[in-house]
Amino acid sequence: MLNSTNKENCDKYRPEKEYTNIEVLLDNLPYIFMGIIGAAINLIIFKISFLGIGLSFLYIAYTILGAIWIMIFVCPYCQYFDTSFCPCGYGKISSRFKEKHPETMFSKKFKKHIPFIVPLWIIPLLEGGVYLFLDYNLTLLILVIAFVINSYIILPLLARIYGCGHCPQKDDCPWMFQMKPSINNP
């Protein structure tokens, strides 16, 4: 059996590295774009009305709140809390809100709090799909396709390869553990 958690066997592992602000920004761009595209979907659905603008701002606020939620309830349990070794930069920001907690609780806290941000991936897709069915609009179709490509392909792929893929905490991360291939010998 190949031990997939062995760092020597993982071609994506690299030694601890301090991330620059530019690298942190690049790691967060797909999440930022998800918030912007999700907000734009509401603007198109509600024809840039008061309701559309309000829902767009709510979605952007939820996107920001989702990142802060993770920083407050998950990051303090990461071994790279308050360091520049965190690819997404959340660990540094998190230290301004909370103090360090036991790293052994990281996996449990991650599983408990990640569902808070999952609706960010569902709401625009659901809204866009329903409104496309009810009243087809080419601009809305383009935004929904852009949302799907960014949020369901680019964001997870970049996270898997770059951000999470290089995170030293990945061996204790439930999301990365789910994505690891295991090869069993008969």
Protein backbone atom coordinates (compact mmCIF):
# COMPACT_ATOMS: atom_id res chain seq x y z
CA MET A 1 0.00 0.00 0.00
CA LEU A 2 1.34 3.42 -0.94
CA ASN A 3 1.20 5.85 1.94
CA SER A 4 -0.28 8.95 0.35
CA THR A 5 0.40 11.09 3.43
CA ASN A 6 4.14 10.52 3.20
CA LYS A 7 5.56 13.85 2.09
CA GLU A 8 8.43 12.22 0.22
CA ASN A 9 5.91 10.50 -2.08
CA CYS A 10 3.95 13.67 -2.80
CA ASP A 11 5.35 15.46 -5.80
CA LYS A 12 3.41 18.59 -4.86
CA TYR A 13 5.03 18.90 -1.44
CA ARG A 14 7.70 21.50 -1.04
CA PRO A 15 9.56 22.69 2.04
CA GLU A 16 8.14 25.47 4.15
CA LYS A 17 8.02 28.67 2.17
CA GLU A 18 7.01 32.14 3.17
CA TYR A 19 4.37 33.50 0.80
CA THR A 20 4.55 37.03 -0.53
CA ASN A 21 1.53 39.32 -0.63
CA ILE A 22 1.35 38.82 -4.42
CA GLU A 23 1.28 35.03 -4.03
CA VAL A 24 -1.43 35.32 -1.37
CA LEU A 25 -3.48 37.57 -3.68
CA LEU A 26 -3.09 35.13 -6.59
CA ASP A 27 -4.24 32.27 -4.34
CA ASN A 28 -7.35 34.24 -3.37
CA LEU A 29 -8.31 35.57 -6.83
CA PRO A 30 -10.67 32.70 -7.75
CA TYR A 31 -12.56 33.18 -4.47
CA ILE A 32 -12.73 36.93 -5.10
CA PHE A 33 -13.96 36.31 -8.66
CA MET A 34 -16.58 33.90 -7.31
CA GLY A 35 -17.96 36.71 -5.15
CA ILE A 36 -17.94 39.21 -8.01
CA ILE A 37 -19.56 36.86 -10.54
CA GLY A 38 -22.14 35.71 -7.97
CA ALA A 39 -23.06 39.35 -7.30
CA ALA A 40 -23.24 40.08 -11.05
CA ILE A 41 -25.67 37.18 -11.49
CA ASN A 42 -28.04 38.88 -9.04
CA LEU A 43 -27.69 42.19 -10.86
CA ILE A 44 -28.67 40.57 -14.18
CA ILE A 45 -31.50 38.49 -12.72
CA PHE A 46 -33.10 41.51 -11.06
CA LYS A 47 -32.25 43.91 -13.90
CA ILE A 48 -30.00 46.20 -11.88
CA SER A 49 -32.92 47.11 -9.61
CA PHE A 50 -32.85 48.06 -5.95
CA LEU A 51 -33.44 44.36 -5.12
CA GLY A 52 -30.65 43.23 -7.45
CA ILE A 53 -28.17 45.71 -5.99
CA GLY A 54 -29.19 44.73 -2.46
CA LEU A 55 -28.83 41.00 -3.14
CA SER A 56 -25.50 41.60 -4.86
CA PHE A 57 -24.18 43.45 -1.83
CA LEU A 58 -25.52 40.69 0.44
CA TYR A 59 -23.71 38.03 -1.62
CA ILE A 60 -20.45 40.03 -1.52
CA ALA A 61 -20.90 40.52 2.24
CA TYR A 62 -21.48 36.77 2.65
CA THR A 63 -18.33 36.06 0.60
CA ILE A 64 -16.28 38.33 2.88
CA LEU A 65 -17.98 36.98 6.00
CA GLY A 66 -17.23 33.43 4.81
CA ALA A 67 -13.50 34.16 4.64
CA ILE A 68 -13.59 35.86 8.06
CA TRP A 69 -15.58 32.92 9.48
CA ILE A 70 -12.83 30.51 8.39
CA MET A 71 -10.16 32.84 9.79
CA ILE A 72 -11.90 32.97 13.17
CA PHE A 73 -13.09 29.38 13.58
CA VAL A 74 -10.57 27.26 11.63
CA CYS A 75 -7.26 29.12 11.21
CA PRO A 76 -6.42 29.35 14.95
CA TYR A 77 -6.08 25.55 14.93
CA CYS A 78 -3.65 25.47 12.00
CA GLN A 79 0.03 24.87 12.65
CA TYR A 80 0.85 27.93 10.52
CA PHE A 81 -1.42 30.34 12.37
CA ASP A 82 0.22 33.78 12.57
CA THR A 83 2.94 32.91 10.06
CA SER A 84 3.68 33.73 6.44
CA PHE A 85 3.73 30.00 5.61
CA CYS A 86 -0.02 29.99 4.88
CA PRO A 87 -0.60 30.07 1.07
CA CYS A 88 -3.93 31.91 1.39
CA GLY A 89 -2.69 34.39 4.01
CA TYR A 90 -5.61 33.71 6.35
CA GLY A 91 -3.32 32.63 9.19
CA LYS A 92 -1.71 36.06 9.45
CA ILE A 93 -5.05 37.89 9.42
CA SER A 94 -6.65 35.39 11.79
CA SER A 95 -4.09 36.16 14.48
CA ARG A 96 -5.57 39.65 14.77
CA PHE A 97 -8.94 38.19 15.82
CA LYS A 98 -8.06 35.09 17.82
CA GLU A 99 -5.29 33.45 19.76
CA LYS A 100 -3.65 30.13 18.88
CA HIS A 101 -5.52 26.90 19.74
CA PRO A 102 -4.43 23.23 19.75
CA GLU A 103 -3.44 22.03 16.27
CA THR A 104 -4.88 18.60 17.03
CA MET A 105 -8.37 20.11 16.66
CA PHE A 106 -7.77 21.43 13.11
CA SER A 107 -9.57 18.61 11.30
CA LYS A 108 -12.56 18.69 13.64
CA LYS A 109 -12.93 22.48 13.39
CA PHE A 110 -12.54 22.38 9.61
CA LYS A 111 -15.32 19.79 9.25
CA LYS A 112 -17.57 21.73 11.60
CA HIS A 113 -17.17 25.18 10.02
CA ILE A 114 -16.65 24.60 6.29
CA PRO A 115 -20.42 24.06 5.72
CA PHE A 116 -20.90 27.76 6.53
CA ILE A 117 -19.31 28.76 3.22
CA VAL A 118 -20.65 25.95 1.00
CA PRO A 119 -23.79 27.95 0.00
CA LEU A 120 -21.49 30.45 -1.74
CA TRP A 121 -20.99 27.80 -4.44
CA ILE A 122 -24.69 26.92 -4.63
CA ILE A 123 -26.70 30.16 -4.43
CA PRO A 124 -25.62 31.84 -7.73
CA LEU A 125 -25.78 28.57 -9.63
CA LEU A 126 -29.27 27.79 -8.34
CA GLU A 127 -30.55 31.33 -8.91
CA GLY A 128 -28.97 31.54 -12.36
CA GLY A 129 -30.27 28.12 -13.39
CA VAL A 130 -33.84 28.89 -12.32
CA TYR A 131 -33.90 32.29 -13.99
CA LEU A 132 -32.33 30.93 -17.18
CA PHE A 133 -35.11 28.36 -17.30
CA LEU A 134 -37.82 30.96 -16.66
CA ASP A 135 -36.46 33.78 -18.82
CA TYR A 136 -33.42 33.01 -21.00
CA ASN A 137 -30.86 35.79 -21.10
CA LEU A 138 -27.51 35.48 -22.92
CA THR A 139 -25.66 37.69 -20.43
CA LEU A 140 -26.96 35.60 -17.55
CA LEU A 141 -25.96 32.41 -19.36
CA ILE A 142 -22.41 33.75 -19.83
CA LEU A 143 -22.20 34.72 -16.15
CA VAL A 144 -23.48 31.33 -14.98
CA ILE A 145 -20.95 29.55 -17.22
CA ALA A 146 -18.18 31.86 -15.93
CA PHE A 147 -19.31 31.13 -12.35
CA VAL A 148 -19.21 27.37 -12.96
CA ILE A 149 -15.79 27.48 -14.63
CA ASN A 150 -14.32 29.71 -11.92
CA SER A 151 -15.97 28.19 -8.84
CA TYR A 152 -16.18 24.52 -9.75
CA ILE A 153 -13.10 24.09 -11.94
CA ILE A 154 -10.49 26.85 -11.51
CA LEU A 155 -10.90 27.48 -7.77
CA PRO A 156 -10.71 23.81 -6.71
CA LEU A 157 -7.98 23.03 -9.22
CA LEU A 158 -5.78 25.92 -8.10
CA ALA A 159 -6.48 25.09 -4.47
CA ARG A 160 -5.56 21.46 -5.06
CA ILE A 161 -2.37 22.26 -6.97
CA TYR A 162 -1.20 25.53 -5.44
CA GLY A 163 -2.80 26.72 -2.20
CA CYS A 164 -3.94 23.57 -0.45
CA GLY A 165 -1.54 21.44 -2.44
CA HIS A 166 1.42 23.24 -0.89
CA CYS A 167 -0.12 23.77 2.53
CA PRO A 168 1.92 22.06 5.25
CA GLN A 169 -1.36 21.43 7.15
CA LYS A 170 -2.83 19.43 4.24
CA ASP A 171 -2.22 16.04 5.86
CA ASP A 172 -4.69 16.96 8.60
CA CYS A 173 -7.17 18.68 6.29
CA PRO A 174 -10.41 16.77 5.66
CA TRP A 175 -10.85 18.38 2.23
CA MET A 176 -7.38 17.41 1.03
CA PHE A 177 -7.69 13.95 2.60
CA GLN A 178 -10.85 13.37 0.52
CA MET A 179 -9.00 14.32 -2.64
CA LYS A 180 -5.94 12.10 -2.05
CA PRO A 181 -5.70 9.00 -4.19
CA SER A 182 -4.85 5.83 -2.37
CA ILE A 183 -3.43 2.80 -4.07
CA ASN A 184 -4.08 -0.52 -2.41
CA ASN A 185 -2.14 -3.61 -3.30
CA PRO A 186 -4.29 -6.74 -3.56
